Amino acid sequence: MDLYRVHTKILMPFVNESVQALAEMADLEATVGKGFQEDVKGYDFMGYAVCVVARTFGSIEGKVVMNHQLNSALTIGNRLLAKMLGEPSNQEILSIPIDIPGVGSFSFSYLLHQKTQ
């Protein structure tokens, strides 16, 4: 596998977009570390797998997984929520929880800005 191609053509666009989005959407400054290869047997999600996206480049096929440690997930989520809601208003938030017995839960939420007739 050409790790340089995976790094530059597949991962870096996600990394660069994420760093830019953190700055613009959450006022958080992020720095990018040096890439490295991990052993499949020892690989463990760092906390929260936020998204998985299938990605192909030439003959390379795989999936991009974004992992967050608990503190980073909470900080980013709370900063985004504060910026999205802004000043207190009459916004409604509609949520649907998904429970995984013995594991925990997560939810999808929709922040309603305005209703149109």
C-alpha atoms as a PDB file:
ATOM      1  CA  MET A   1       0.000   0.000   0.000  1.00  0.00           C
ATOM      2  CA  ASP A   2       1.296   3.444  -0.839  1.00  0.00           C
ATOM      3  CA  LEU A   3       1.031   5.154   2.549  1.00  0.00           C
ATOM      4  CA  TYR A   4       2.123   8.497   1.091  1.00  0.00           C
ATOM      5  CA  ARG A   5      -0.841   8.460  -1.318  1.00  0.00           C
ATOM      6  CA  VAL A   6      -3.248   7.463   1.452  1.00  0.00           C
ATOM      7  CA  HIS A   7      -1.914  10.266   3.633  1.00  0.00           C
ATOM      8  CA  THR A   8      -1.880  13.042   1.042  1.00  0.00           C
ATOM      9  CA  LYS A   9      -4.819  12.145  -1.181  1.00  0.00           C
ATOM     10  CA  ILE A  10      -7.276  10.566   1.249  1.00  0.00           C
ATOM     11  CA  LEU A  11      -6.655  11.653   4.838  1.00  0.00           C
ATOM     12  CA  MET A  12      -5.295  15.186   4.464  1.00  0.00           C
ATOM     13  CA  PRO A  13      -8.391  16.643   2.764  1.00  0.00           C
ATOM     14  CA  PHE A  14     -10.464  15.457   5.775  1.00  0.00           C
ATOM     15  CA  VAL A  15      -7.839  16.717   8.215  1.00  0.00           C
ATOM     16  CA  ASN A  16      -7.529  20.136   6.571  1.00  0.00           C
ATOM     17  CA  GLU A  17     -11.303  20.573   6.346  1.00  0.00           C
ATOM     18  CA  SER A  18     -11.727  19.583   9.993  1.00  0.00           C
ATOM     19  CA  VAL A  19      -9.065  22.006  11.207  1.00  0.00           C
ATOM     20  CA  GLN A  20     -10.665  24.795   9.171  1.00  0.00           C
ATOM     21  CA  ALA A  21     -14.166  23.909  10.410  1.00  0.00           C
ATOM     22  CA  LEU A  22     -13.003  23.884  14.045  1.00  0.00           C
ATOM     23  CA  ALA A  23     -11.580  27.374  13.614  1.00  0.00           C
ATOM     24  CA  GLU A  24     -14.598  28.786  11.795  1.00  0.00           C
ATOM     25  CA  MET A  25     -17.425  26.989  13.567  1.00  0.00           C
ATOM     26  CA  ALA A  26     -16.123  26.537  17.114  1.00  0.00           C
ATOM     27  CA  ASP A  27     -13.336  29.134  17.500  1.00  0.00           C
ATOM     28  CA  LEU A  28     -10.904  26.307  18.286  1.00  0.00           C
ATOM     29  CA  GLU A  29      -7.342  26.296  16.961  1.00  0.00           C
ATOM     30  CA  ALA A  30      -6.025  22.825  16.096  1.00  0.00           C
ATOM     31  CA  THR A  31      -2.598  21.593  15.050  1.00  0.00           C
ATOM     32  CA  VAL A  32      -1.955  18.545  12.896  1.00  0.00           C
ATOM     33  CA  GLY A  33       0.411  15.825  14.099  1.00  0.00           C
ATOM     34  CA  LYS A  34       2.591  13.476  12.091  1.00  0.00           C
ATOM     35  CA  GLY A  35       0.808  10.509  10.515  1.00  0.00           C
ATOM     36  CA  PHE A  36       1.691   6.967  11.519  1.00  0.00           C
ATOM     37  CA  GLN A  37       0.640   3.411  10.754  1.00  0.00           C
ATOM     38  CA  GLU A  38      -1.152   1.330  13.390  1.00  0.00           C
ATOM     39  CA  ASP A  39      -1.430  -2.432  13.806  1.00  0.00           C
ATOM     40  CA  VAL A  40      -4.939  -3.726  13.096  1.00  0.00           C
ATOM     41  CA  LYS A  41      -4.858  -6.108  16.078  1.00  0.00           C
ATOM     42  CA  GLY A  42      -3.940  -3.314  18.490  1.00  0.00           C
ATOM     43  CA  TYR A  43      -6.199  -0.650  16.997  1.00  0.00           C
ATOM     44  CA  ASP A  44      -8.829   0.668  19.353  1.00  0.00           C
ATOM     45  CA  PHE A  45     -11.258   3.526  18.897  1.00  0.00           C
ATOM     46  CA  MET A  46      -9.957   6.409  20.987  1.00  0.00           C
ATOM     47  CA  GLY A  47     -13.363   7.134  22.418  1.00  0.00           C
ATOM     48  CA  TYR A  48     -16.043   8.198  19.996  1.00  0.00           C
ATOM     49  CA  ALA A  49     -16.143   7.269  16.331  1.00  0.00           C
ATOM     50  CA  VAL A  50     -17.890  10.314  14.940  1.00  0.00           C
ATOM     51  CA  CYS A  51     -18.133   9.332  11.303  1.00  0.00           C
ATOM     52  CA  VAL A  52     -17.116   6.659   8.874  1.00  0.00           C
ATOM     53  CA  VAL A  53     -16.837   7.544   5.203  1.00  0.00           C
ATOM     54  CA  ALA A  54     -15.932   5.163   2.384  1.00  0.00           C
ATOM     55  CA  ARG A  55     -13.136   6.648   0.317  1.00  0.00           C
ATOM     56  CA  THR A  56     -11.418   5.388  -2.835  1.00  0.00           C
ATOM     57  CA  PHE A  57      -8.364   6.766  -4.592  1.00  0.00           C
ATOM     58  CA  GLY A  58      -7.159   4.857  -7.629  1.00  0.00           C
ATOM     59  CA  SER A  59      -6.660   1.258  -6.538  1.00  0.00           C
ATOM     60  CA  ILE A  60      -6.804   2.142  -2.829  1.00  0.00           C
ATOM     61  CA  GLU A  61     -10.145   1.482  -1.101  1.00  0.00           C
ATOM     62  CA  GLY A  62     -10.934   2.004   2.563  1.00  0.00           C
ATOM     63  CA  LYS A  63     -12.859   3.963   5.154  1.00  0.00           C
ATOM     64  CA  VAL A  64     -12.034   7.173   7.015  1.00  0.00           C
ATOM     65  CA  VAL A  65     -12.933   7.078  10.719  1.00  0.00           C
ATOM     66  CA  MET A  66     -12.873  10.214  12.876  1.00  0.00           C
ATOM     67  CA  ASN A  67     -12.128   9.389  16.516  1.00  0.00           C
ATOM     68  CA  HIS A  68     -12.536  11.719  19.482  1.00  0.00           C
ATOM     69  CA  GLN A  69     -11.488  11.363  23.062  1.00  0.00           C
ATOM     70  CA  LEU A  70     -14.314  12.173  25.476  1.00  0.00           C
ATOM     71  CA  ASN A  71     -12.986  15.630  26.393  1.00  0.00           C
ATOM     72  CA  SER A  72     -12.502  16.740  22.786  1.00  0.00           C
ATOM     73  CA  ALA A  73     -15.952  15.465  21.773  1.00  0.00           C
ATOM     74  CA  LEU A  74     -17.630  17.325  24.633  1.00  0.00           C
ATOM     75  CA  THR A  75     -15.657  20.544  24.109  1.00  0.00           C
ATOM     76  CA  ILE A  76     -16.263  20.650  20.356  1.00  0.00           C
ATOM     77  CA  GLY A  77     -19.941  19.746  20.747  1.00  0.00           C
ATOM     78  CA  ASN A  78     -20.549  22.394  23.395  1.00  0.00           C
ATOM     79  CA  ARG A  79     -18.677  25.090  21.435  1.00  0.00           C
ATOM     80  CA  LEU A  80     -20.654  24.279  18.275  1.00  0.00           C
ATOM     81  CA  LEU A  81     -23.922  24.307  20.198  1.00  0.00           C
ATOM     82  CA  ALA A  82     -23.133  27.694  21.750  1.00  0.00           C
ATOM     83  CA  LYS A  83     -22.251  29.200  18.354  1.00  0.00           C
ATOM     84  CA  MET A  84     -25.317  27.681  16.644  1.00  0.00           C
ATOM     85  CA  LEU A  85     -27.759  28.826  19.301  1.00  0.00           C
ATOM     86  CA  GLY A  86     -26.148  32.200  19.866  1.00  0.00           C
ATOM     87  CA  GLU A  87     -28.202  34.359  22.159  1.00  0.00           C
ATOM     88  CA  PRO A  88     -31.031  32.624  23.989  1.00  0.00           C
ATOM     89  CA  SER A  89     -34.141  32.565  21.818  1.00  0.00           C
ATOM     90  CA  ASN A  90     -37.250  30.538  21.212  1.00  0.00           C
ATOM     91  CA  GLN A  91     -35.434  27.894  19.134  1.00  0.00           C
ATOM     92  CA  GLU A  92     -36.743  24.392  19.388  1.00  0.00           C
ATOM     93  CA  ILE A  93     -34.518  21.331  19.510  1.00  0.00           C
ATOM     94  CA  LEU A  94     -36.000  18.037  18.360  1.00  0.00           C
ATOM     95  CA  SER A  95     -34.034  14.955  19.410  1.00  0.00           C
ATOM     96  CA  ILE A  96     -34.290  11.227  18.897  1.00  0.00           C
ATOM     97  CA  PRO A  97     -32.262   9.106  21.316  1.00  0.00           C
ATOM     98  CA  ILE A  98     -30.820   5.757  20.308  1.00  0.00           C
ATOM     99  CA  ASP A  99     -30.112   3.383  23.182  1.00  0.00           C
ATOM    100  CA  ILE A 100     -27.708   0.466  22.993  1.00  0.00           C
ATOM    101  CA  PRO A 101     -28.467  -1.803  25.994  1.00  0.00           C
ATOM    102  CA  GLY A 102     -25.426  -2.332  28.170  1.00  0.00           C
ATOM    103  CA  VAL A 103     -23.363   0.132  26.141  1.00  0.00           C
ATOM    104  CA  GLY A 104     -24.875   3.615  26.280  1.00  0.00           C
ATOM    105  CA  SER A 105     -26.719   5.953  23.998  1.00  0.00           C
ATOM    106  CA  PHE A 106     -26.408   8.706  21.423  1.00  0.00           C
ATOM    107  CA  SER A 107     -28.889  10.909  19.652  1.00  0.00           C
ATOM    108  CA  PHE A 108     -29.642  12.837  16.515  1.00  0.00           C
ATOM    109  CA  SER A 109     -30.884  16.379  17.085  1.00  0.00           C
ATOM    110  CA  TYR A 110     -32.354  19.024  14.836  1.00  0.00           C
ATOM    111  CA  LEU A 111     -31.992  22.646  15.890  1.00  0.00           C
ATOM    112  CA  LEU A 112     -35.006  24.450  14.475  1.00  0.00           C
ATOM    113  CA  HIS A 113     -34.270  28.090  13.637  1.00  0.00           C
ATOM    114  CA  GLN A 114     -37.619  29.080  12.206  1.00  0.00           C
ATOM    115  CA  LYS A 115     -40.833  27.575  10.978  1.00  0.00           C
ATOM    116  CA  THR A 116     -42.325  28.527   7.666  1.00  0.00           C
ATOM    117  CA  GLN A 117     -45.990  28.123   6.803  1.00  0.00           C
END
